[in-house]
C-alpha atoms as a PDB file:
ATOM      1  CA  UNK A   1       3.118  -2.920 -21.265  1.00  0.00           C
ATOM      2  CA  UNK A   2       0.092  -3.932 -19.250  1.00  0.00           C
ATOM      3  CA  UNK A   3      -2.920  -1.719 -19.755  1.00  0.00           C
ATOM      4  CA  UNK A   4      -6.534  -1.330 -18.771  1.00  0.00           C
ATOM      5  CA  UNK A   5      -9.490  -0.117 -20.791  1.00  0.00           C
ATOM      6  CA  UNK A   6     -10.741   3.111 -19.226  1.00  0.00           C
ATOM      7  CA  UNK A   7     -13.554   3.808 -21.640  1.00  0.00           C
ATOM      8  CA  UNK A   8     -11.909   6.652 -23.543  1.00  0.00           C
ATOM      9  CA  UNK A   9      -8.957   4.480 -24.468  1.00  0.00           C
ATOM     10  CA  UNK A  10      -6.242   2.281 -23.113  1.00  0.00           C
ATOM     11  CA  UNK A  11      -3.879   3.546 -20.454  1.00  0.00           C
ATOM     12  CA  UNK A  12      -0.878   1.775 -18.951  1.00  0.00           C
ATOM     13  CA  UNK A  13      -1.245   0.228 -15.522  1.00  0.00           C
ATOM     14  CA  UNK A  14       0.668   2.281 -12.989  1.00  0.00           C
ATOM     15  CA  UNK A  15       0.954   1.245  -9.349  1.00  0.00           C
ATOM     16  CA  UNK A  16       1.999   3.309  -6.354  1.00  0.00           C
ATOM     17  CA  UNK A  17       3.430   0.692  -3.999  1.00  0.00           C
ATOM     18  CA  UNK A  18       3.703   1.905  -0.394  1.00  0.00           C
ATOM     19  CA  UNK A  19       5.441  -0.811   1.619  1.00  0.00           C
ATOM     20  CA  UNK A  20       8.469  -1.785   3.634  1.00  0.00           C
ATOM     21  CA  UNK A  21      11.870  -2.250   2.031  1.00  0.00           C
ATOM     22  CA  UNK A  22      14.460  -4.792   3.153  1.00  0.00           C
ATOM     23  CA  UNK A  23      18.083  -5.175   2.092  1.00  0.00           C
ATOM     24  CA  UNK A  24      17.832  -8.962   1.980  1.00  0.00           C
ATOM     25  CA  UNK A  25      14.807 -11.186   1.617  1.00  0.00           C
ATOM     26  CA  UNK A  26      11.597 -10.879  -0.315  1.00  0.00           C
ATOM     27  CA  UNK A  27       8.895  -8.989   1.542  1.00  0.00           C
ATOM     28  CA  UNK A  28       7.238  -5.633   0.939  1.00  0.00           C
ATOM     29  CA  UNK A  29       8.660  -3.697  -1.990  1.00  0.00           C
ATOM     30  CA  UNK A  30      11.221  -6.419  -2.703  1.00  0.00           C
ATOM     31  CA  UNK A  31       8.455  -8.982  -3.151  1.00  0.00           C
ATOM     32  CA  UNK A  32       5.963  -6.856  -5.058  1.00  0.00           C
ATOM     33  CA  UNK A  33       7.876  -4.602  -7.423  1.00  0.00           C
ATOM     34  CA  UNK A  34       9.726  -7.027  -9.679  1.00  0.00           C
ATOM     35  CA  UNK A  35       6.790  -9.383 -10.432  1.00  0.00           C
ATOM     36  CA  UNK A  36       4.607  -6.435 -11.397  1.00  0.00           C
ATOM     37  CA  UNK A  37       7.352  -5.023 -13.620  1.00  0.00           C
ATOM     38  CA  UNK A  38       7.686  -8.415 -15.323  1.00  0.00           C
ATOM     39  CA  UNK A  39       4.008  -8.102 -16.213  1.00  0.00           C
ATOM     40  CA  UNK A  40       4.648  -4.702 -17.765  1.00  0.00           C
ATOM     41  CA  UNK A  41       3.198  -2.652 -14.918  1.00  0.00           C
ATOM     42  CA  UNK A  42       4.882   0.655 -14.103  1.00  0.00           C
ATOM     43  CA  UNK A  43       5.661   0.669 -10.362  1.00  0.00           C
ATOM     44  CA  UNK A  44       6.563   3.669  -8.235  1.00  0.00           C
ATOM     45  CA  UNK A  45       7.953   2.291  -4.957  1.00  0.00           C
ATOM     46  CA  UNK A  46       7.547   4.395  -1.812  1.00  0.00           C
ATOM     47  CA  UNK A  47       9.218   2.826   1.238  1.00  0.00           C
ATOM     48  CA  UNK A  48       7.789   3.149   4.740  1.00  0.00           C
ATOM     49  CA  UNK A  49      10.689   1.404   6.488  1.00  0.00           C
ATOM     50  CA  UNK A  50      14.270   0.582   5.491  1.00  0.00           C
ATOM     51  CA  UNK A  51      15.163  -2.625   7.307  1.00  0.00           C
ATOM     52  CA  UNK A  52      18.138  -4.969   7.070  1.00  0.00           C
ATOM     53  CA  UNK A  53      15.883  -8.018   6.712  1.00  0.00           C
ATOM     54  CA  UNK A  54      12.381  -9.246   7.524  1.00  0.00           C
ATOM     55  CA  UNK A  55      11.184  -9.781  11.061  1.00  0.00           C
ATOM     56  CA  UNK A  56      11.658 -13.554  11.222  1.00  0.00           C
ATOM     57  CA  UNK A  57      15.351 -13.010  11.978  1.00  0.00           C
ATOM     58  CA  UNK A  58      16.422 -12.398  15.578  1.00  0.00           C
ATOM     59  CA  UNK A  59      17.972  -9.042  14.675  1.00  0.00           C
ATOM     60  CA  UNK A  60      16.406  -6.366  12.495  1.00  0.00           C
ATOM     61  CA  UNK A  61      17.954  -2.931  12.076  1.00  0.00           C
ATOM     62  CA  UNK A  62      16.931   0.148  10.183  1.00  0.00           C
ATOM     63  CA  UNK A  63      14.695   3.193  10.410  1.00  0.00           C
ATOM     64  CA  UNK A  64      10.951   3.474  10.150  1.00  0.00           C
ATOM     65  CA  UNK A  65      10.028   6.437   8.015  1.00  0.00           C
ATOM     66  CA  UNK A  66       7.632   8.712   9.830  1.00  0.00           C
ATOM     67  CA  UNK A  67       4.948  10.922   8.415  1.00  0.00           C
ATOM     68  CA  UNK A  68       7.382  13.803   7.831  1.00  0.00           C
ATOM     69  CA  UNK A  69       9.890  11.667   5.935  1.00  0.00           C
ATOM     70  CA  UNK A  70       7.251  10.114   3.689  1.00  0.00           C
ATOM     71  CA  UNK A  71       5.679  13.538   3.138  1.00  0.00           C
ATOM     72  CA  UNK A  72       9.115  14.884   2.138  1.00  0.00           C
ATOM     73  CA  UNK A  73       9.501  12.124  -0.461  1.00  0.00           C
ATOM     74  CA  UNK A  74       6.036  12.806  -1.861  1.00  0.00           C
ATOM     75  CA  UNK A  75       6.683  16.574  -1.880  1.00  0.00           C
ATOM     76  CA  UNK A  76       9.950  16.109  -3.794  1.00  0.00           C
ATOM     77  CA  UNK A  77       8.204  13.943  -6.399  1.00  0.00           C
ATOM     78  CA  UNK A  78       5.536  16.600  -6.752  1.00  0.00           C
ATOM     79  CA  UNK A  79       8.080  19.462  -6.934  1.00  0.00           C
ATOM     80  CA  UNK A  80       9.828  17.655  -9.786  1.00  0.00           C
ATOM     81  CA  UNK A  81       6.567  17.207 -11.660  1.00  0.00           C
ATOM     82  CA  UNK A  82       6.592  13.446 -11.197  1.00  0.00           C
ATOM     83  CA  UNK A  83       3.109  13.189  -9.680  1.00  0.00           C
ATOM     84  CA  UNK A  84       1.217  15.557 -11.961  1.00  0.00           C
ATOM     85  CA  UNK A  85      -0.464  13.653 -14.731  1.00  0.00           C
ATOM     86  CA  UNK A  86       0.484  10.280 -13.268  1.00  0.00           C
ATOM     87  CA  UNK A  87      -2.824   8.691 -12.600  1.00  0.00           C
ATOM     88  CA  UNK A  88      -2.267   5.580 -10.599  1.00  0.00           C
ATOM     89  CA  UNK A  89      -4.502   2.735 -11.649  1.00  0.00           C
ATOM     90  CA  UNK A  90      -3.780   0.975  -8.350  1.00  0.00           C
ATOM     91  CA  UNK A  91      -2.308   1.631  -4.915  1.00  0.00           C
ATOM     92  CA  UNK A  92      -0.642  -1.340  -3.268  1.00  0.00           C
ATOM     93  CA  UNK A  93       0.066  -1.054   0.443  1.00  0.00           C
ATOM     94  CA  UNK A  94       1.611  -3.183   3.115  1.00  0.00           C
ATOM     95  CA  UNK A  95       1.594  -2.484   6.811  1.00  0.00           C
ATOM     96  CA  UNK A  96       2.172   1.152   7.696  1.00  0.00           C
ATOM     97  CA  UNK A  97       1.244   3.635  10.361  1.00  0.00           C
ATOM     98  CA  UNK A  98      -2.225   5.180  10.127  1.00  0.00           C
ATOM     99  CA  UNK A  99      -0.535   8.576  10.456  1.00  0.00           C
ATOM    100  CA  UNK A 100       0.649   8.125   6.838  1.00  0.00           C
ATOM    101  CA  UNK A 101      -2.909   8.037   5.448  1.00  0.00           C
ATOM    102  CA  UNK A 102      -3.136  11.809   4.823  1.00  0.00           C
ATOM    103  CA  UNK A 103       0.264  11.766   3.090  1.00  0.00           C
ATOM    104  CA  UNK A 104      -0.423   8.777   0.848  1.00  0.00           C
ATOM    105  CA  UNK A 105      -4.017   9.428  -0.118  1.00  0.00           C
ATOM    106  CA  UNK A 106      -3.960  13.229  -0.382  1.00  0.00           C
END
């Protein structure tokens, strides 16, 4: 497992990845999650959109998750105790609406 020296000891690298998700293709979460996991990094993937494919195709379908939907995902993680004690060493973001800032960085 990848780790970083934080002075008082070694802790595993843990990334909160806030990006788009596509069914096919390699952009956003599909491009970033697996390579980090291969390096031993723990990755928590939080999607901001759920698209069929990336935007270079003539047709793209799927919902954009708004502030309320992303907040609901974060709240459920917190309610299940999955955020407490998880200190993220890094936050990796793609393109997302500025309205998500209070949800992601709170």
